[in-house]
């Protein structure tokens, strides 16, 4: 799914679009940007997407207890 966010006259606004409507979301954002170019009080136009099939939460998580990270290359200053 997609959501277009923008600020209009100091009020935060948004509009939701289904997962199969990327073209409509892009057209909405472009319409808002065109209004801004005409001098209307529209700013901070952006699009966010969410994959409903995503597994788990977004962002970083603590590693598993058995995770063993190893640096593969020596530090640049220590190379011979």
PDB file of N, CA and C in Angstrom:
ATOM      1  N   UNK A   1       0.838  -1.167   0.000  1.00  0.00           N
ATOM      2  CA  UNK A   1       0.000   0.000   0.000  1.00  0.00           C
ATOM      3  C   UNK A   1       0.887   1.235   0.000  1.00  0.00           C
ATOM      4  N   UNK A   2       0.331   2.323  -0.460  1.00  0.00           N
ATOM      5  CA  UNK A   2       1.083   3.575  -0.557  1.00  0.00           C
ATOM      6  C   UNK A   2       0.327   4.668   0.178  1.00  0.00           C
ATOM      7  N   UNK A   3       1.068   5.661   0.671  1.00  0.00           N
ATOM      8  CA  UNK A   3       0.445   6.816   1.293  1.00  0.00           C
ATOM      9  C   UNK A   3       1.234   8.046   0.872  1.00  0.00           C
ATOM     10  N   UNK A   4       0.527   9.046   0.411  1.00  0.00           N
ATOM     11  CA  UNK A   4       1.127  10.328   0.050  1.00  0.00           C
ATOM     12  C   UNK A   4       0.920  11.252   1.239  1.00  0.00           C
ATOM     13  N   UNK A   5       2.001  11.868   1.691  1.00  0.00           N
ATOM     14  CA  UNK A   5       1.956  12.816   2.806  1.00  0.00           C
ATOM     15  C   UNK A   5       2.330  14.195   2.294  1.00  0.00           C
ATOM     16  N   UNK A   6       1.706  15.230   2.853  1.00  0.00           N
ATOM     17  CA  UNK A   6       2.071  16.599   2.509  1.00  0.00           C
ATOM     18  C   UNK A   6       1.563  17.538   3.590  1.00  0.00           C
ATOM     19  N   UNK A   7       2.061  18.762   3.563  1.00  0.00           N
ATOM     20  CA  UNK A   7       1.584  19.820   4.452  1.00  0.00           C
ATOM     21  C   UNK A   7       0.924  20.863   3.580  1.00  0.00           C
ATOM     22  N   UNK A   8      -0.273  21.246   3.987  1.00  0.00           N
ATOM     23  CA  UNK A   8      -1.036  22.242   3.248  1.00  0.00           C
ATOM     24  C   UNK A   8      -1.542  23.277   4.238  1.00  0.00           C
ATOM     25  N   UNK A   9      -1.119  24.523   4.058  1.00  0.00           N
ATOM     26  CA  UNK A   9      -1.522  25.608   4.967  1.00  0.00           C
ATOM     27  C   UNK A   9      -1.277  25.230   6.424  1.00  0.00           C
ATOM     28  N   UNK A  10      -0.085  24.714   6.706  1.00  0.00           N
ATOM     29  CA  UNK A  10       0.356  24.335   8.055  1.00  0.00           C
ATOM     30  C   UNK A  10      -0.426  23.179   8.672  1.00  0.00           C
ATOM     31  N   UNK A  11      -1.142  22.410   7.876  1.00  0.00           N
ATOM     32  CA  UNK A  11      -1.846  21.224   8.364  1.00  0.00           C
ATOM     33  C   UNK A  11      -1.287  19.988   7.664  1.00  0.00           C
ATOM     34  N   UNK A  12      -0.942  18.966   8.457  1.00  0.00           N
ATOM     35  CA  UNK A  12      -0.449  17.719   7.882  1.00  0.00           C
ATOM     36  C   UNK A  12      -1.616  16.957   7.279  1.00  0.00           C
ATOM     37  N   UNK A  13      -1.404  16.436   6.075  1.00  0.00           N
ATOM     38  CA  UNK A  13      -2.449  15.692   5.376  1.00  0.00           C
ATOM     39  C   UNK A  13      -1.845  14.432   4.780  1.00  0.00           C
ATOM     40  N   UNK A  14      -2.705  13.477   4.464  1.00  0.00           N
ATOM     41  CA  UNK A  14      -2.254  12.271   3.785  1.00  0.00           C
ATOM     42  C   UNK A  14      -3.419  11.649   3.035  1.00  0.00           C
ATOM     43  N   UNK A  15      -3.079  10.818   2.065  1.00  0.00           N
ATOM     44  CA  UNK A  15      -4.075  10.064   1.312  1.00  0.00           C
ATOM     45  C   UNK A  15      -3.521   8.664   1.067  1.00  0.00           C
ATOM     46  N   UNK A  16      -4.341   7.655   1.313  1.00  0.00           N
ATOM     47  CA  UNK A  16      -3.925   6.260   1.161  1.00  0.00           C
ATOM     48  C   UNK A  16      -4.310   5.734  -0.220  1.00  0.00           C
ATOM     49  N   UNK A  17      -3.464   4.820  -0.727  1.00  0.00           N
ATOM     50  CA  UNK A  17      -3.692   4.164  -2.012  1.00  0.00           C
ATOM     51  C   UNK A  17      -3.424   2.680  -1.838  1.00  0.00           C
ATOM     52  N   UNK A  18      -4.201   1.818  -2.497  1.00  0.00           N
ATOM     53  CA  UNK A  18      -3.956   0.376  -2.377  1.00  0.00           C
ATOM     54  C   UNK A  18      -2.644  -0.041  -3.044  1.00  0.00           C
ATOM     55  N   UNK A  19      -2.221  -1.248  -2.783  1.00  0.00           N
ATOM     56  CA  UNK A  19      -0.931  -1.750  -3.270  1.00  0.00           C
ATOM     57  C   UNK A  19      -0.821  -1.762  -4.788  1.00  0.00           C
ATOM     58  N   UNK A  20      -1.931  -1.839  -5.486  1.00  0.00           N
ATOM     59  CA  UNK A  20      -1.881  -1.883  -6.953  1.00  0.00           C
ATOM     60  C   UNK A  20      -2.109  -0.510  -7.600  1.00  0.00           C
ATOM     61  N   UNK A  21      -1.943   0.562  -6.818  1.00  0.00           N
ATOM     62  CA  UNK A  21      -2.233   1.904  -7.324  1.00  0.00           C
ATOM     63  C   UNK A  21      -1.037   2.846  -7.228  1.00  0.00           C
ATOM     64  N   UNK A  22       0.159   2.352  -7.537  1.00  0.00           N
ATOM     65  CA  UNK A  22       1.340   3.213  -7.498  1.00  0.00           C
ATOM     66  C   UNK A  22       1.201   4.381  -8.461  1.00  0.00           C
ATOM     67  N   UNK A  23       0.678   4.144  -9.655  1.00  0.00           N
ATOM     68  CA  UNK A  23       0.524   5.224 -10.631  1.00  0.00           C
ATOM     69  C   UNK A  23      -0.380   6.329 -10.088  1.00  0.00           C
ATOM     70  N   UNK A  24      -1.437   5.959  -9.398  1.00  0.00           N
ATOM     71  CA  UNK A  24      -2.337   6.954  -8.818  1.00  0.00           C
ATOM     72  C   UNK A  24      -1.653   7.742  -7.701  1.00  0.00           C
ATOM     73  N   UNK A  25      -0.860   7.058  -6.874  1.00  0.00           N
ATOM     74  CA  UNK A  25      -0.134   7.738  -5.801  1.00  0.00           C
ATOM     75  C   UNK A  25       0.879   8.724  -6.379  1.00  0.00           C
ATOM     76  N   UNK A  26       1.585   8.299  -7.423  1.00  0.00           N
ATOM     77  CA  UNK A  26       2.554   9.199  -8.061  1.00  0.00           C
ATOM     78  C   UNK A  26       1.856  10.392  -8.699  1.00  0.00           C
ATOM     79  N   UNK A  27       0.702  10.161  -9.321  1.00  0.00           N
ATOM     80  CA  UNK A  27      -0.053  11.256  -9.932  1.00  0.00           C
ATOM     81  C   UNK A  27      -0.536  12.242  -8.874  1.00  0.00           C
ATOM     82  N   UNK A  28      -0.954  11.729  -7.726  1.00  0.00           N
ATOM     83  CA  UNK A  28      -1.369  12.590  -6.621  1.00  0.00           C
ATOM     84  C   UNK A  28      -0.209  13.468  -6.158  1.00  0.00           C
ATOM     85  N   UNK A  29       0.953  12.850  -5.948  1.00  0.00           N
ATOM     86  CA  UNK A  29       2.130  13.601  -5.503  1.00  0.00           C
ATOM     87  C   UNK A  29       2.527  14.652  -6.541  1.00  0.00           C
ATOM     88  N   UNK A  30       2.494  14.286  -7.816  1.00  0.00           N
ATOM     89  CA  UNK A  30       2.857  15.247  -8.856  1.00  0.00           C
ATOM     90  C   UNK A  30       1.846  16.382  -8.912  1.00  0.00           C
ATOM     91  N   UNK A  31       0.580  16.083  -8.694  1.00  0.00           N
ATOM     92  CA  UNK A  31      -0.439  17.130  -8.650  1.00  0.00           C
ATOM     93  C   UNK A  31      -0.190  18.109  -7.507  1.00  0.00           C
ATOM     94  N   UNK A  32       0.201  17.585  -6.361  1.00  0.00           N
ATOM     95  CA  UNK A  32       0.522  18.450  -5.222  1.00  0.00           C
ATOM     96  C   UNK A  32       1.749  19.317  -5.512  1.00  0.00           C
ATOM     97  N   UNK A  33       2.752  18.721  -6.158  1.00  0.00           N
ATOM     98  CA  UNK A  33       3.955  19.491  -6.501  1.00  0.00           C
ATOM     99  C   UNK A  33       3.637  20.571  -7.534  1.00  0.00           C
ATOM    100  N   UNK A  34       2.724  20.279  -8.446  1.00  0.00           N
ATOM    101  CA  UNK A  34       2.307  21.292  -9.430  1.00  0.00           C
ATOM    102  C   UNK A  34       1.592  22.441  -8.734  1.00  0.00           C
ATOM    103  N   UNK A  35       0.772  22.124  -7.751  1.00  0.00           N
ATOM    104  CA  UNK A  35       0.114  23.186  -6.980  1.00  0.00           C
ATOM    105  C   UNK A  35       1.144  24.057  -6.271  1.00  0.00           C
ATOM    106  N   UNK A  36       2.192  23.438  -5.732  1.00  0.00           N
ATOM    107  CA  UNK A  36       3.252  24.198  -5.058  1.00  0.00           C
ATOM    108  C   UNK A  36       3.950  25.121  -6.044  1.00  0.00           C
ATOM    109  N   UNK A  37       4.221  24.617  -7.252  1.00  0.00           N
ATOM    110  CA  UNK A  37       4.874  25.460  -8.269  1.00  0.00           C
ATOM    111  C   UNK A  37       4.003  26.647  -8.662  1.00  0.00           C
ATOM    112  N   UNK A  38       2.689  26.499  -8.566  1.00  0.00           N
ATOM    113  CA  UNK A  38       1.780  27.607  -8.875  1.00  0.00           C
ATOM    114  C   UNK A  38       1.684  28.596  -7.730  1.00  0.00           C
ATOM    115  N   UNK A  39       2.356  28.302  -6.615  1.00  0.00           N
ATOM    116  CA  UNK A  39       2.380  29.237  -5.500  1.00  0.00           C
ATOM    117  C   UNK A  39       1.464  28.902  -4.342  1.00  0.00           C
ATOM    118  N   UNK A  40       0.777  27.765  -4.405  1.00  0.00           N
ATOM    119  CA  UNK A  40      -0.095  27.380  -3.296  1.00  0.00           C
ATOM    120  C   UNK A  40       0.734  26.936  -2.093  1.00  0.00           C
ATOM    121  N   UNK A  41       0.136  26.974  -0.920  1.00  0.00           N
ATOM    122  CA  UNK A  41       0.829  26.642   0.333  1.00  0.00           C
ATOM    123  C   UNK A  41       0.872  25.131   0.535  1.00  0.00           C
ATOM    124  N   UNK A  42       1.607  24.437  -0.324  1.00  0.00           N
ATOM    125  CA  UNK A  42       1.775  22.987  -0.250  1.00  0.00           C
ATOM    126  C   UNK A  42       3.270  22.712  -0.121  1.00  0.00           C
ATOM    127  N   UNK A  43       3.660  21.870   0.845  1.00  0.00           N
ATOM    128  CA  UNK A  43       5.089  21.565   1.020  1.00  0.00           C
ATOM    129  C   UNK A  43       5.258  20.150   1.557  1.00  0.00           C
ATOM    130  N   UNK A  44       6.496  19.699   1.605  1.00  0.00           N
ATOM    131  CA  UNK A  44       6.884  18.390   2.151  1.00  0.00           C
ATOM    132  C   UNK A  44       6.081  17.244   1.533  1.00  0.00           C
ATOM    133  N   UNK A  45       6.002  17.219   0.227  1.00  0.00           N
ATOM    134  CA  UNK A  45       5.275  16.155  -0.471  1.00  0.00           C
ATOM    135  C   UNK A  45       6.175  14.928  -0.549  1.00  0.00           C
ATOM    136  N   UNK A  46       5.679  13.802  -0.064  1.00  0.00           N
ATOM    137  CA  UNK A  46       6.453  12.569  -0.112  1.00  0.00           C
ATOM    138  C   UNK A  46       5.521  11.361  -0.196  1.00  0.00           C
ATOM    139  N   UNK A  47       6.069  10.242  -0.647  1.00  0.00           N
ATOM    140  CA  UNK A  47       5.319   8.993  -0.726  1.00  0.00           C
ATOM    141  C   UNK A  47       6.017   7.958   0.139  1.00  0.00           C
ATOM    142  N   UNK A  48       5.232   7.216   0.896  1.00  0.00           N
ATOM    143  CA  UNK A  48       5.756   6.098   1.681  1.00  0.00           C
ATOM    144  C   UNK A  48       5.051   4.831   1.222  1.00  0.00           C
ATOM    145  N   UNK A  49       5.781   3.723   1.258  1.00  0.00           N
ATOM    146  CA  UNK A  49       5.170   2.447   0.873  1.00  0.00           C
ATOM    147  C   UNK A  49       5.381   1.438   1.987  1.00  0.00           C
ATOM    148  N   UNK A  50       4.471   0.477   2.041  1.00  0.00           N
ATOM    149  CA  UNK A  50       4.578  -0.597   3.016  1.00  0.00           C
ATOM    150  C   UNK A  50       4.276  -1.905   2.299  1.00  0.00           C
ATOM    151  N   UNK A  51       5.133  -2.873   2.486  1.00  0.00           N
ATOM    152  CA  UNK A  51       4.933  -4.180   1.887  1.00  0.00           C
ATOM    153  C   UNK A  51       4.152  -5.039   2.875  1.00  0.00           C
ATOM    154  N   UNK A  52       2.886  -5.328   2.588  1.00  0.00           N
ATOM    155  CA  UNK A  52       2.103  -6.120   3.541  1.00  0.00           C
ATOM    156  C   UNK A  52       2.626  -7.546   3.708  1.00  0.00           C
ATOM    157  N   UNK A  53       3.454  -8.013   2.784  1.00  0.00           N
ATOM    158  CA  UNK A  53       4.017  -9.348   2.891  1.00  0.00           C
ATOM    159  C   UNK A  53       5.317  -9.388   3.671  1.00  0.00           C
ATOM    160  N   UNK A  54       5.748  -8.255   4.194  1.00  0.00           N
ATOM    161  CA  UNK A  54       7.007  -8.189   4.935  1.00  0.00           C
ATOM    162  C   UNK A  54       6.904  -9.025   6.206  1.00  0.00           C
ATOM    163  N   UNK A  55       7.951  -9.750   6.506  1.00  0.00           N
ATOM    164  CA  UNK A  55       7.977 -10.579   7.696  1.00  0.00           C
ATOM    165  C   UNK A  55       8.747  -9.839   8.774  1.00  0.00           C
ATOM    166  N   UNK A  56       8.160  -9.660   9.926  1.00  0.00           N
ATOM    167  CA  UNK A  56       8.836  -9.012  11.043  1.00  0.00           C
ATOM    168  C   UNK A  56       8.703  -7.499  11.008  1.00  0.00           C
ATOM    169  N   UNK A  57       9.251  -6.882  12.015  1.00  0.00           N
ATOM    170  CA  UNK A  57       9.200  -5.435  12.156  1.00  0.00           C
ATOM    171  C   UNK A  57      10.309  -4.767  11.355  1.00  0.00           C
ATOM    172  N   UNK A  58      10.071  -3.530  10.945  1.00  0.00           N
ATOM    173  CA  UNK A  58      11.097  -2.764  10.235  1.00  0.00           C
ATOM    174  C   UNK A  58      12.183  -2.326  11.209  1.00  0.00           C
ATOM    175  N   UNK A  59      13.367  -2.050  10.664  1.00  0.00           N
ATOM    176  CA  UNK A  59      14.448  -1.521  11.483  1.00  0.00           C
ATOM    177  C   UNK A  59      15.418  -2.587  11.945  1.00  0.00           C
ATOM    178  N   UNK A  60      16.341  -2.156  12.772  1.00  0.00           N
ATOM    179  CA  UNK A  60      17.384  -3.052  13.273  1.00  0.00           C
ATOM    180  C   UNK A  60      16.892  -3.781  14.523  1.00  0.00           C
ATOM    181  N   UNK A  61      17.429  -4.947  14.729  1.00  0.00           N
ATOM    182  CA  UNK A  61      17.083  -5.740  15.909  1.00  0.00           C
ATOM    183  C   UNK A  61      18.362  -6.267  16.531  1.00  0.00           C
ATOM    184  N   UNK A  62      18.265  -6.699  17.761  1.00  0.00           N
ATOM    185  CA  UNK A  62      19.424  -7.306  18.414  1.00  0.00           C
ATOM    186  C   UNK A  62      19.751  -8.617  17.704  1.00  0.00           C
ATOM    187  N   UNK A  63      21.035  -8.927  17.548  1.00  0.00           N
ATOM    188  CA  UNK A  63      21.405 -10.181  16.872  1.00  0.00           C
ATOM    189  C   UNK A  63      21.052 -11.389  17.739  1.00  0.00           C
ATOM    190  N   UNK A  64      20.924 -12.535  17.079  1.00  0.00           N
ATOM    191  CA  UNK A  64      20.689 -13.778  17.804  1.00  0.00           C
ATOM    192  C   UNK A  64      21.881 -14.062  18.734  1.00  0.00           C
ATOM    193  N   UNK A  65      21.631 -14.814  19.750  1.00  0.00           N
ATOM    194  CA  UNK A  65      22.695 -15.138  20.721  1.00  0.00           C
ATOM    195  C   UNK A  65      23.839 -15.901  20.067  1.00  0.00           C
ATOM    196  N   UNK A  66      23.564 -16.675  19.013  1.00  0.00           N
ATOM    197  CA  UNK A  66      24.611 -17.469  18.371  1.00  0.00           C
ATOM    198  C   UNK A  66      25.263 -16.747  17.183  1.00  0.00           C
ATOM    199  N   UNK A  67      24.957 -15.466  16.977  1.00  0.00           N
ATOM    200  CA  UNK A  67      25.523 -14.714  15.861  1.00  0.00           C
ATOM    201  C   UNK A  67      26.999 -14.426  16.132  1.00  0.00           C
ATOM    202  N   UNK A  68      27.854 -14.757  15.178  1.00  0.00           N
ATOM    203  CA  UNK A  68      29.297 -14.582  15.348  1.00  0.00           C
ATOM    204  C   UNK A  68      29.825 -13.719  14.210  1.00  0.00           C
ATOM    205  N   UNK A  69      29.918 -12.421  14.434  1.00  0.00           N
ATOM    206  CA  UNK A  69      30.372 -11.490  13.409  1.00  0.00           C
ATOM    207  C   UNK A  69      31.886 -11.509  13.326  1.00  0.00           C
ATOM    208  N   UNK A  70      32.419 -11.549  12.107  1.00  0.00           N
ATOM    209  CA  UNK A  70      33.854 -11.549  11.892  1.00  0.00           C
ATOM    210  C   UNK A  70      34.179 -10.501  10.835  1.00  0.00           C
ATOM    211  N   UNK A  71      35.119  -9.621  11.134  1.00  0.00           N
ATOM    212  CA  UNK A  71      35.553  -8.630  10.160  1.00  0.00           C
ATOM    213  C   UNK A  71      36.429  -9.347   9.142  1.00  0.00           C
ATOM    214  N   UNK A  72      36.131  -9.183   7.868  1.00  0.00           N
ATOM    215  CA  UNK A  72      36.827  -9.945   6.839  1.00  0.00           C
ATOM    216  C   UNK A  72      38.081  -9.273   6.318  1.00  0.00           C
ATOM    217  N   UNK A  73      38.183  -7.991   6.468  1.00  0.00           N
ATOM    218  CA  UNK A  73      39.358  -7.290   5.944  1.00  0.00           C
ATOM    219  C   UNK A  73      40.067  -6.554   7.072  1.00  0.00           C
ATOM    220  N   UNK A  74      41.377  -6.458   7.006  1.00  0.00           N
ATOM    221  CA  UNK A  74      42.083  -5.700   8.051  1.00  0.00           C
ATOM    222  C   UNK A  74      41.803  -4.209   7.906  1.00  0.00           C
ATOM    223  N   UNK A  75      41.979  -3.499   8.973  1.00  0.00           N
ATOM    224  CA  UNK A  75      41.828  -2.044   8.971  1.00  0.00           C
ATOM    225  C   UNK A  75      42.791  -1.456   7.937  1.00  0.00           C
ATOM    226  N   UNK A  76      42.395  -0.416   7.162  1.00  0.00           N
ATOM    227  CA  UNK A  76      43.252   0.138   6.101  1.00  0.00           C
ATOM    228  C   UNK A  76      44.646   0.563   6.575  1.00  0.00           C
ATOM    229  N   UNK A  77      44.759   1.072   7.795  1.00  0.00           N
ATOM    230  CA  UNK A  77      46.061   1.524   8.299  1.00  0.00           C
ATOM    231  C   UNK A  77      46.977   0.361   8.655  1.00  0.00           C
ATOM    232  N   UNK A  78      46.418  -0.789   8.844  1.00  0.00           N
ATOM    233  CA  UNK A  78      47.199  -1.940   9.268  1.00  0.00           C
ATOM    234  C   UNK A  78      47.592  -2.849   8.107  1.00  0.00           C
ATOM    235  N   UNK A  79      47.166  -2.508   6.924  1.00  0.00           N
ATOM    236  CA  UNK A  79      47.513  -3.338   5.766  1.00  0.00           C
ATOM    237  C   UNK A  79      48.994  -3.208   5.472  1.00  0.00           C
ATOM    238  N   UNK A  80      49.571  -4.292   5.047  1.00  0.00           N
ATOM    239  CA  UNK A  80      50.999  -4.279   4.827  1.00  0.00           C
ATOM    240  C   UNK A  80      51.475  -4.060   3.475  1.00  0.00           C
TER     241      UNK A  80
END
